[in-house]
Structures are given as C-alpha cells and as structure tokens.
Amino acid sequence: MSKNPRDILKAARPQEKTVTLSLRPDLAAEHAAAEAELQALTVTELLPDLDATRATALAERIEALQDEMAAEMLTLRFRALPRDVYDGLLLEHPPREGFHELFNLGTFTYALARGCLVEPDFDDTEFAELFDVMNEGQRDQVLNAAWDANQEVTSVPFSERASVVTRWRERTSKQPEPGASPSPSS
C-alpha cells in the first residue's frame, strides 16, 4: 500500500553525497615502497630461506601505515542547496563571454561545493586550504559530489548482493537438515 503523498513530502530530505579523501600521499608512497620491498623479498627468496625478521618488520610497517592512513582520511558531506540559493549561485556566476557554458565553470563549481558542504564545518579559509592541498583528481571528486548532491536523481536502489544472499537464505532454509529423514508422503 502506498503512503499518503503528504506524509512522503513531510519525510523528504535534501539529497546528500559524501566523498572520502586521503590527504597523506607521503604515507601512501611509504606504503608502496614497503609493499614493493616485501614483494621483492618474498618473490626472490624461497620460503625456507626468507629473511623472516625483515619480512615481518615490513609486514608490520605496512599494516601500521594502513592504520595510520585510515585514521587520516577526511570525509566531506555535501547537501543539496535550496532552490533559491542554487539559483542565486547561478546568477552570481554567469557564463563568460566567448564560452559556450550555462554558468562560469571556473567559479561556479567551487562556490557550489563551498555552499553545500555540511561536514566538516570548515570556514572559508579552511575550505580554501583544503582545495590548495588536494590534487586535481581529489578536487574533481569533491566538485562531482557537490554537483551530484544538487543534480542527481534519487531512485530506489537495488542491491544485487543483498538479493543473492536473500535468495540463498530462502533456498537453504527450505532444505532438510543433513541426516534428517524425509517426511512421509500422504
């Protein structure tokens, strides 16, 4: 049975998108170097001849780096702007002369990302510092998340994995226990 449209509207929330960034490429580089050294050590040495002390030290360092990198991840959450705010941003960033664009791509996307960032609660200076430390790929991720929060259509998602698990569970719950006698037929 469908819900009342007014109840659906009351429960409505603006679209949100998140992006998680690693801002410690130094740790990633150290991880890659340790991983390469461990791979070289385990590939060139036969297991009985492996320098277990060095291999163990490398493996422990790799795991410590993974933990450190995980702790250093920054998650940004963007929420769709109200229509009037979004429209105002468009007016503040009109298309440039000589460009075939609906708005100034050079300024609008940054202003959009800044305007719809809800977590963390960065001020303008901190947000600018974030943009300065990110590489171009990370800036694209951030701008795309802000854009998607404001433009992407939400539909009912489908989880193939959940569907497979549910079907598997239904099949296995109908099978008799191993060693159980089949029930007599009437």
C-alpha atoms as a PDB file:
ATOM      1  CA  MET A   1       0.000   0.000   0.000  1.00  0.00           C
ATOM      2  CA  SER A   2       1.325   3.427  -0.923  1.00  0.00           C
ATOM      3  CA  LYS A   3       1.891   6.121   1.626  1.00  0.00           C
ATOM      4  CA  ASN A   4      -0.040   9.353   1.603  1.00  0.00           C
ATOM      5  CA  PRO A   5       1.785  11.902  -0.624  1.00  0.00           C
ATOM      6  CA  ARG A   6       1.662  14.497   2.175  1.00  0.00           C
ATOM      7  CA  ASP A   7       3.393  12.069   4.545  1.00  0.00           C
ATOM      8  CA  ILE A   8       6.036  11.369   1.898  1.00  0.00           C
ATOM      9  CA  LEU A   9       6.612  15.097   1.458  1.00  0.00           C
ATOM     10  CA  LYS A  10       6.919  15.616   5.232  1.00  0.00           C
ATOM     11  CA  ALA A  11       9.612  12.909   5.400  1.00  0.00           C
ATOM     12  CA  ALA A  12      11.531  14.268   2.376  1.00  0.00           C
ATOM     13  CA  ARG A  13      15.180  15.250   2.867  1.00  0.00           C
ATOM     14  CA  PRO A  14      17.620  17.030   0.550  1.00  0.00           C
ATOM     15  CA  GLN A  15      19.995  14.793  -1.410  1.00  0.00           C
ATOM     16  CA  GLU A  16      23.371  14.209   0.231  1.00  0.00           C
ATOM     17  CA  LYS A  17      26.662  12.884  -1.112  1.00  0.00           C
ATOM     18  CA  THR A  18      29.909  12.076   0.643  1.00  0.00           C
ATOM     19  CA  VAL A  19      33.471  11.783  -0.531  1.00  0.00           C
ATOM     20  CA  THR A  20      36.385  10.445   1.494  1.00  0.00           C
ATOM     21  CA  LEU A  21      39.874  11.720   0.776  1.00  0.00           C
ATOM     22  CA  SER A  22      43.368  10.682   1.702  1.00  0.00           C
ATOM     23  CA  LEU A  23      45.381  13.826   2.192  1.00  0.00           C
ATOM     24  CA  ARG A  24      48.574  11.973   3.138  1.00  0.00           C
ATOM     25  CA  PRO A  25      50.265  10.943  -0.116  1.00  0.00           C
ATOM     26  CA  ASP A  26      53.517  10.684   1.834  1.00  0.00           C
ATOM     27  CA  LEU A  27      52.091   7.709   3.731  1.00  0.00           C
ATOM     28  CA  ALA A  28      50.795   6.165   0.507  1.00  0.00           C
ATOM     29  CA  ALA A  29      54.269   6.465  -1.048  1.00  0.00           C
ATOM     30  CA  GLU A  30      55.898   4.899   2.005  1.00  0.00           C
ATOM     31  CA  HIS A  31      53.308   2.096   1.897  1.00  0.00           C
ATOM     32  CA  ALA A  32      54.006   1.448  -1.799  1.00  0.00           C
ATOM     33  CA  ALA A  33      57.758   1.314  -1.177  1.00  0.00           C
ATOM     34  CA  ALA A  34      57.402  -1.096   1.756  1.00  0.00           C
ATOM     35  CA  GLU A  35      54.957  -3.244  -0.237  1.00  0.00           C
ATOM     36  CA  ALA A  36      57.371  -3.390  -3.186  1.00  0.00           C
ATOM     37  CA  GLU A  37      60.250  -4.340  -0.899  1.00  0.00           C
ATOM     38  CA  LEU A  38      58.172  -7.067   0.757  1.00  0.00           C
ATOM     39  CA  GLN A  39      57.084  -8.387  -2.625  1.00  0.00           C
ATOM     40  CA  ALA A  40      60.671  -8.457  -3.886  1.00  0.00           C
ATOM     41  CA  LEU A  41      61.799 -10.203  -0.719  1.00  0.00           C
ATOM     42  CA  THR A  42      59.083 -12.880  -0.887  1.00  0.00           C
ATOM     43  CA  VAL A  43      59.426 -13.412  -4.644  1.00  0.00           C
ATOM     44  CA  THR A  44      63.208 -13.721  -4.767  1.00  0.00           C
ATOM     45  CA  GLU A  45      63.599 -15.856  -1.669  1.00  0.00           C
ATOM     46  CA  LEU A  46      62.209 -19.334  -1.231  1.00  0.00           C
ATOM     47  CA  LEU A  47      60.012 -19.570   1.823  1.00  0.00           C
ATOM     48  CA  PRO A  48      62.521 -21.597   3.894  1.00  0.00           C
ATOM     49  CA  ASP A  49      65.257 -19.071   3.030  1.00  0.00           C
ATOM     50  CA  LEU A  50      63.104 -15.996   3.645  1.00  0.00           C
ATOM     51  CA  ASP A  51      64.557 -13.353   5.934  1.00  0.00           C
ATOM     52  CA  ALA A  52      61.685 -13.682   8.385  1.00  0.00           C
ATOM     53  CA  THR A  53      62.853 -10.792  10.543  1.00  0.00           C
ATOM     54  CA  ARG A  54      62.922  -8.349   7.615  1.00  0.00           C
ATOM     55  CA  ALA A  55      59.694  -9.700   6.099  1.00  0.00           C
ATOM     56  CA  THR A  56      57.898  -9.442   9.434  1.00  0.00           C
ATOM     57  CA  ALA A  57      59.165  -5.907  10.010  1.00  0.00           C
ATOM     58  CA  LEU A  58      57.979  -4.849   6.550  1.00  0.00           C
ATOM     59  CA  ALA A  59      54.590  -6.511   7.003  1.00  0.00           C
ATOM     60  CA  GLU A  60      54.107  -4.823  10.366  1.00  0.00           C
ATOM     61  CA  ARG A  61      55.147  -1.443   8.935  1.00  0.00           C
ATOM     62  CA  ILE A  62      52.689  -1.872   6.040  1.00  0.00           C
ATOM     63  CA  GLU A  63      49.853  -2.647   8.437  1.00  0.00           C
ATOM     64  CA  ALA A  64      50.798   0.305  10.665  1.00  0.00           C
ATOM     65  CA  LEU A  65      50.793   2.592   7.613  1.00  0.00           C
ATOM     66  CA  GLN A  66      47.362   1.285   6.593  1.00  0.00           C
ATOM     67  CA  ASP A  67      46.033   2.042  10.082  1.00  0.00           C
ATOM     68  CA  GLU A  68      47.626   5.500  10.075  1.00  0.00           C
ATOM     69  CA  MET A  69      46.230   6.297   6.633  1.00  0.00           C
ATOM     70  CA  ALA A  70      42.750   5.108   7.645  1.00  0.00           C
ATOM     71  CA  ALA A  71      42.867   7.428  10.669  1.00  0.00           C
ATOM     72  CA  GLU A  72      43.898  10.342   8.427  1.00  0.00           C
ATOM     73  CA  MET A  73      41.010  10.013   5.963  1.00  0.00           C
ATOM     74  CA  LEU A  74      38.782  13.080   5.647  1.00  0.00           C
ATOM     75  CA  THR A  75      35.111  12.580   4.819  1.00  0.00           C
ATOM     76  CA  LEU A  76      33.193  15.508   3.345  1.00  0.00           C
ATOM     77  CA  ARG A  77      29.393  15.562   3.250  1.00  0.00           C
ATOM     78  CA  PHE A  78      27.506  17.736   0.787  1.00  0.00           C
ATOM     79  CA  ARG A  79      23.791  18.533   0.912  1.00  0.00           C
ATOM     80  CA  ALA A  80      21.682  19.888  -1.939  1.00  0.00           C
ATOM     81  CA  LEU A  81      21.097  23.607  -1.670  1.00  0.00           C
ATOM     82  CA  PRO A  82      17.593  25.033  -1.527  1.00  0.00           C
ATOM     83  CA  ARG A  83      16.382  26.033  -4.992  1.00  0.00           C
ATOM     84  CA  ASP A  84      16.601  29.789  -4.360  1.00  0.00           C
ATOM     85  CA  VAL A  85      20.178  29.523  -3.057  1.00  0.00           C
ATOM     86  CA  TYR A  86      21.220  27.370  -6.025  1.00  0.00           C
ATOM     87  CA  ASP A  87      19.574  29.779  -8.471  1.00  0.00           C
ATOM     88  CA  GLY A  88      21.329  32.676  -6.732  1.00  0.00           C
ATOM     89  CA  LEU A  89      24.680  30.964  -7.212  1.00  0.00           C
ATOM     90  CA  LEU A  90      23.959  30.579 -10.904  1.00  0.00           C
ATOM     91  CA  LEU A  91      23.217  34.301 -11.150  1.00  0.00           C
ATOM     92  CA  GLU A  92      26.437  35.144  -9.270  1.00  0.00           C
ATOM     93  CA  HIS A  93      28.479  33.079 -11.772  1.00  0.00           C
ATOM     94  CA  PRO A  94      27.144  33.961 -15.241  1.00  0.00           C
ATOM     95  CA  PRO A  95      28.708  32.430 -18.365  1.00  0.00           C
ATOM     96  CA  ARG A  96      31.907  34.002 -19.633  1.00  0.00           C
ATOM     97  CA  GLU A  97      31.944  35.779 -22.953  1.00  0.00           C
ATOM     98  CA  GLY A  98      33.227  33.583 -25.744  1.00  0.00           C
ATOM     99  CA  PHE A  99      32.471  30.360 -23.855  1.00  0.00           C
ATOM    100  CA  HIS A 100      29.573  28.049 -24.579  1.00  0.00           C
ATOM    101  CA  GLU A 101      28.542  27.408 -20.992  1.00  0.00           C
ATOM    102  CA  LEU A 102      25.437  27.823 -18.845  1.00  0.00           C
ATOM    103  CA  PHE A 103      27.473  29.302 -15.968  1.00  0.00           C
ATOM    104  CA  ASN A 104      31.084  30.180 -15.271  1.00  0.00           C
ATOM    105  CA  LEU A 105      32.639  26.759 -14.852  1.00  0.00           C
ATOM    106  CA  GLY A 106      35.761  28.343 -13.419  1.00  0.00           C
ATOM    107  CA  THR A 107      33.997  29.828 -10.395  1.00  0.00           C
ATOM    108  CA  PHE A 108      30.566  28.219 -10.010  1.00  0.00           C
ATOM    109  CA  THR A 109      31.650  24.682  -9.082  1.00  0.00           C
ATOM    110  CA  TYR A 110      33.943  25.896  -6.273  1.00  0.00           C
ATOM    111  CA  ALA A 111      31.170  28.136  -4.917  1.00  0.00           C
ATOM    112  CA  LEU A 112      28.705  25.248  -5.173  1.00  0.00           C
ATOM    113  CA  ALA A 113      30.999  22.894  -3.251  1.00  0.00           C
ATOM    114  CA  ARG A 114      31.659  25.545  -0.619  1.00  0.00           C
ATOM    115  CA  GLY A 115      27.967  26.341  -0.324  1.00  0.00           C
ATOM    116  CA  CYS A 116      26.679  22.801   0.133  1.00  0.00           C
ATOM    117  CA  LEU A 117      29.444  21.397   2.368  1.00  0.00           C
ATOM    118  CA  VAL A 118      27.801  20.469   5.669  1.00  0.00           C
ATOM    119  CA  GLU A 119      30.544  18.370   7.282  1.00  0.00           C
ATOM    120  CA  PRO A 120      33.131  19.150   8.441  1.00  0.00           C
ATOM    121  CA  ASP A 121      32.177  22.657   9.450  1.00  0.00           C
ATOM    122  CA  PHE A 122      35.033  24.407   7.630  1.00  0.00           C
ATOM    123  CA  ASP A 123      35.156  28.172   7.386  1.00  0.00           C
ATOM    124  CA  ASP A 124      36.081  29.838   4.079  1.00  0.00           C
ATOM    125  CA  THR A 125      39.809  29.860   4.903  1.00  0.00           C
ATOM    126  CA  GLU A 126      39.869  26.174   5.848  1.00  0.00           C
ATOM    127  CA  PHE A 127      37.926  25.249   2.716  1.00  0.00           C
ATOM    128  CA  ALA A 128      40.407  27.192   0.575  1.00  0.00           C
ATOM    129  CA  GLU A 129      43.297  25.438   2.367  1.00  0.00           C
ATOM    130  CA  LEU A 130      41.667  22.086   1.618  1.00  0.00           C
ATOM    131  CA  PHE A 131      41.412  22.949  -2.078  1.00  0.00           C
ATOM    132  CA  ASP A 132      45.053  24.049  -2.109  1.00  0.00           C
ATOM    133  CA  VAL A 133      46.322  20.771  -0.622  1.00  0.00           C
ATOM    134  CA  MET A 134      44.182  18.465  -2.805  1.00  0.00           C
ATOM    135  CA  ASN A 135      45.391  17.287  -6.183  1.00  0.00           C
ATOM    136  CA  GLU A 136      43.275  17.751  -9.309  1.00  0.00           C
ATOM    137  CA  GLY A 137      41.708  14.289  -9.059  1.00  0.00           C
ATOM    138  CA  GLN A 138      40.611  14.950  -5.487  1.00  0.00           C
ATOM    139  CA  ARG A 139      39.212  18.355  -6.450  1.00  0.00           C
ATOM    140  CA  ASP A 140      37.218  16.597  -9.183  1.00  0.00           C
ATOM    141  CA  GLN A 141      35.857  14.113  -6.623  1.00  0.00           C
ATOM    142  CA  VAL A 142      34.782  16.947  -4.335  1.00  0.00           C
ATOM    143  CA  LEU A 143      33.219  19.014  -7.124  1.00  0.00           C
ATOM    144  CA  ASN A 144      31.415  15.956  -8.519  1.00  0.00           C
ATOM    145  CA  ALA A 145      29.997  15.085  -5.085  1.00  0.00           C
ATOM    146  CA  ALA A 146      28.701  18.650  -4.664  1.00  0.00           C
ATOM    147  CA  TRP A 147      27.281  18.609  -8.197  1.00  0.00           C
ATOM    148  CA  ASP A 148      25.648  15.201  -7.671  1.00  0.00           C
ATOM    149  CA  ALA A 149      24.088  16.324  -4.376  1.00  0.00           C
ATOM    150  CA  ASN A 150      22.341  19.065  -6.335  1.00  0.00           C
ATOM    151  CA  GLN A 151      21.680  17.323  -9.671  1.00  0.00           C
ATOM    152  CA  GLU A 152      21.475  13.558  -9.261  1.00  0.00           C
ATOM    153  CA  VAL A 153      18.048  11.982  -9.282  1.00  0.00           C
ATOM    154  CA  THR A 154      17.351   9.590  -6.421  1.00  0.00           C
ATOM    155  CA  SER A 155      15.593   6.331  -7.181  1.00  0.00           C
ATOM    156  CA  VAL A 156      15.035   3.141  -5.263  1.00  0.00           C
ATOM    157  CA  PRO A 157      18.419   1.423  -5.179  1.00  0.00           C
ATOM    158  CA  PHE A 158      18.875  -2.249  -5.898  1.00  0.00           C
ATOM    159  CA  SER A 159      21.490  -4.362  -4.136  1.00  0.00           C
ATOM    160  CA  GLU A 160      22.448  -7.384  -6.176  1.00  0.00           C
ATOM    161  CA  ARG A 161      24.466  -8.735  -3.245  1.00  0.00           C
ATOM    162  CA  ALA A 162      21.511  -8.465  -0.831  1.00  0.00           C
ATOM    163  CA  SER A 163      19.289 -10.166  -3.385  1.00  0.00           C
ATOM    164  CA  VAL A 164      21.717 -13.069  -3.804  1.00  0.00           C
ATOM    165  CA  VAL A 165      22.063 -13.516  -0.033  1.00  0.00           C
ATOM    166  CA  THR A 166      18.285 -13.397   0.463  1.00  0.00           C
ATOM    167  CA  ARG A 167      17.653 -15.979  -2.288  1.00  0.00           C
ATOM    168  CA  TRP A 168      20.441 -18.192  -0.903  1.00  0.00           C
ATOM    169  CA  ARG A 169      18.969 -17.970   2.593  1.00  0.00           C
ATOM    170  CA  GLU A 170      15.488 -18.827   1.325  1.00  0.00           C
ATOM    171  CA  ARG A 171      16.830 -21.903  -0.509  1.00  0.00           C
ATOM    172  CA  THR A 172      18.904 -23.140   2.401  1.00  0.00           C
ATOM    173  CA  SER A 173      16.111 -22.647   4.935  1.00  0.00           C
ATOM    174  CA  LYS A 174      13.832 -24.918   2.866  1.00  0.00           C
ATOM    175  CA  GLN A 175      16.340 -27.786   2.673  1.00  0.00           C
ATOM    176  CA  PRO A 176      16.101 -30.524   5.326  1.00  0.00           C
ATOM    177  CA  GLU A 177      18.837 -30.783   7.924  1.00  0.00           C
ATOM    178  CA  PRO A 178      21.616 -33.211   6.976  1.00  0.00           C
ATOM    179  CA  GLY A 179      20.744 -36.671   8.272  1.00  0.00           C
ATOM    180  CA  ALA A 180      17.075 -35.834   8.759  1.00  0.00           C
ATOM    181  CA  SER A 181      14.552 -38.332   7.459  1.00  0.00           C
ATOM    182  CA  PRO A 182      12.369 -37.206   4.643  1.00  0.00           C
ATOM    183  CA  SER A 183       8.802 -36.627   5.757  1.00  0.00           C
ATOM    184  CA  PRO A 184       6.393 -39.398   4.720  1.00  0.00           C
ATOM    185  CA  SER A 185       4.183 -38.566   1.786  1.00  0.00           C
ATOM    186  CA  SER A 186       0.451 -38.878   2.138  1.00  0.00           C
END
